[in-house]
């Protein structure tokens, strides 16, 4: 599974705020067959002491970075809704007046029990809305 030990220098690949994140990254590298190890796992002050460190051989650094980068979720910026044409019946947030709002009148099976109860107990004629710009929940 692992290559024979070499005298290649060991380098720091990443530092993590907690042991769980560090072990998840280490597991990704182990699954890819890249030898690695953790240090600073048992320090009592976590990030203050430099965090939990993940080390690899210098020759494995590019491959290890690629493996960890591939496992990272990507985030995409959405186009501003102000660029889109709005109609008079477009719902706007009462707090920030943004149009990045979604409204829903009836619960869906994928909703949590708390969300279902909130939608059923509140006036069913008024849709429950959420503004993705400022995070406000309001009745539409």
Protein backbone atom coordinates (compact mmCIF):
# COMPACT_ATOMS: atom_id res chain seq x y z
CA UNK A 1 0.00 0.00 0.00
CA UNK A 2 2.68 2.49 1.00
CA UNK A 3 5.98 2.98 -0.78
CA UNK A 4 9.20 2.12 0.93
CA UNK A 5 10.51 4.90 3.17
CA UNK A 6 12.65 7.45 1.39
CA UNK A 7 14.76 10.31 2.58
CA UNK A 8 12.49 12.86 0.90
CA UNK A 9 11.79 15.95 2.98
CA UNK A 10 8.49 16.10 4.83
CA UNK A 11 6.38 19.22 4.23
CA UNK A 12 3.27 20.69 5.81
CA UNK A 13 0.27 20.23 3.52
CA UNK A 14 -2.45 21.82 5.65
CA UNK A 15 -3.37 22.89 9.16
CA UNK A 16 -6.83 22.27 10.61
CA UNK A 17 -8.73 23.83 13.49
CA UNK A 18 -9.95 20.46 14.79
CA UNK A 19 -9.00 16.79 14.80
CA UNK A 20 -12.08 15.66 12.89
CA UNK A 21 -11.36 17.86 9.86
CA UNK A 22 -7.75 16.75 9.90
CA UNK A 23 -8.69 13.06 9.97
CA UNK A 24 -11.18 13.54 7.12
CA UNK A 25 -8.43 15.05 4.98
CA UNK A 26 -6.00 12.30 6.02
CA UNK A 27 -8.57 9.67 5.05
CA UNK A 28 -8.89 11.23 1.59
CA UNK A 29 -5.13 11.02 1.11
CA UNK A 30 -4.99 7.47 2.48
CA UNK A 31 -7.71 6.43 0.03
CA UNK A 32 -5.69 7.97 -2.81
CA UNK A 33 -2.61 6.03 -1.71
CA UNK A 34 -0.64 9.11 -0.63
CA UNK A 35 1.39 8.53 2.54
CA UNK A 36 0.73 11.16 5.19
CA UNK A 37 0.60 11.71 8.92
CA UNK A 38 -0.90 14.10 11.46
CA UNK A 39 0.91 16.04 14.14
CA UNK A 40 -0.19 18.33 16.94
CA UNK A 41 -3.34 16.23 17.48
CA UNK A 42 -3.29 16.26 21.26
CA UNK A 43 -2.51 19.90 21.92
CA UNK A 44 -5.07 21.33 24.33
CA UNK A 45 -5.48 24.72 22.66
CA UNK A 46 -6.24 23.69 19.06
CA UNK A 47 -5.78 26.54 16.57
CA UNK A 48 -3.81 28.64 19.07
CA UNK A 49 -1.05 26.05 19.04
CA UNK A 50 -0.98 25.90 15.25
CA UNK A 51 -3.87 23.52 14.70
CA UNK A 52 -3.70 19.87 13.73
CA UNK A 53 -1.11 19.56 10.98
CA UNK A 54 -1.20 17.22 8.00
CA UNK A 55 2.20 16.33 6.53
CA UNK A 56 3.24 14.61 3.29
CA UNK A 57 6.49 13.91 1.49
CA UNK A 58 7.63 16.81 -0.66
CA UNK A 59 7.36 14.71 -3.82
CA UNK A 60 3.69 13.94 -3.02
CA UNK A 61 2.72 17.55 -2.34
CA UNK A 62 1.14 18.39 -5.75
CA UNK A 63 -0.89 15.15 -5.82
CA UNK A 64 -2.03 15.64 -2.22
CA UNK A 65 -3.11 19.22 -2.92
CA UNK A 66 -5.10 18.01 -5.92
CA UNK A 67 -6.86 15.32 -3.87
CA UNK A 68 -7.87 17.78 -1.15
CA UNK A 69 -8.94 20.44 -3.65
CA UNK A 70 -11.14 17.92 -5.50
CA UNK A 71 -12.97 17.14 -2.26
CA UNK A 72 -13.73 20.78 -1.52
CA UNK A 73 -17.22 21.95 -2.50
CA UNK A 74 -17.28 24.74 -5.04
CA UNK A 75 -19.30 27.88 -4.53
CA UNK A 76 -20.70 29.92 -7.37
CA UNK A 77 -21.85 33.49 -7.21
CA UNK A 78 -25.35 34.05 -8.51
CA UNK A 79 -26.18 36.92 -10.76
CA UNK A 80 -27.77 39.81 -8.92
CA UNK A 81 -31.53 39.73 -9.19
CA UNK A 82 -31.49 43.48 -9.73
CA UNK A 83 -30.06 42.82 -13.21
CA UNK A 84 -33.09 40.72 -14.07
CA UNK A 85 -36.36 42.32 -15.04
CA UNK A 86 -38.80 42.47 -12.15
CA UNK A 87 -42.54 42.56 -12.39
CA UNK A 88 -44.90 44.44 -10.08
CA UNK A 89 -45.90 41.16 -8.37
CA UNK A 90 -42.28 40.24 -7.57
CA UNK A 91 -41.92 39.59 -3.84
CA UNK A 92 -39.39 41.86 -2.12
CA UNK A 93 -37.90 41.43 1.30
CA UNK A 94 -39.40 43.91 3.79
CA UNK A 95 -36.02 44.38 5.47
CA UNK A 96 -33.54 44.80 2.59
CA UNK A 97 -35.97 45.13 -0.39
CA UNK A 98 -34.02 42.50 -2.32
CA UNK A 99 -35.82 40.18 -4.75
CA UNK A 100 -33.76 37.06 -3.98
CA UNK A 101 -36.74 35.65 -2.09
CA UNK A 102 -38.43 32.28 -2.20
CA UNK A 103 -41.98 31.79 -0.92
CA UNK A 104 -43.81 28.59 -0.15
CA UNK A 105 -47.37 27.95 0.95
CA UNK A 106 -47.43 24.23 1.57
CA UNK A 107 -44.83 21.98 3.17
CA UNK A 108 -42.92 19.47 1.08
CA UNK A 109 -41.95 15.94 2.18
CA UNK A 110 -38.28 16.95 2.35
CA UNK A 111 -38.94 19.65 4.97
CA UNK A 112 -38.09 19.14 8.61
CA UNK A 113 -40.85 18.61 11.12
CA UNK A 114 -40.34 22.12 12.51
CA UNK A 115 -40.77 23.69 9.05
CA UNK A 116 -43.90 21.63 8.37
CA UNK A 117 -45.46 22.68 11.69
CA UNK A 118 -44.61 26.32 11.07
CA UNK A 119 -46.26 26.24 7.63
CA UNK A 120 -49.36 24.39 8.91
CA UNK A 121 -49.87 26.46 12.07
CA UNK A 122 -49.47 29.83 10.43
CA UNK A 123 -52.11 31.26 8.14
CA UNK A 124 -52.18 28.92 5.11
CA UNK A 125 -53.35 31.79 2.90
CA UNK A 126 -50.11 33.68 3.44
CA UNK A 127 -47.01 32.05 1.96
CA UNK A 128 -43.94 31.78 4.16
CA UNK A 129 -40.97 33.51 2.53
CA UNK A 130 -37.21 33.54 3.06
CA UNK A 131 -34.81 36.24 1.82
CA UNK A 132 -31.49 34.74 0.71
CA UNK A 133 -29.87 38.18 0.76
CA UNK A 134 -30.38 39.09 4.44
CA UNK A 135 -31.79 35.82 5.86
CA UNK A 136 -35.15 37.22 7.01
CA UNK A 137 -38.13 34.84 7.26
CA UNK A 138 -41.45 36.62 6.70
CA UNK A 139 -45.01 36.15 5.50
CA UNK A 140 -45.51 37.07 1.85
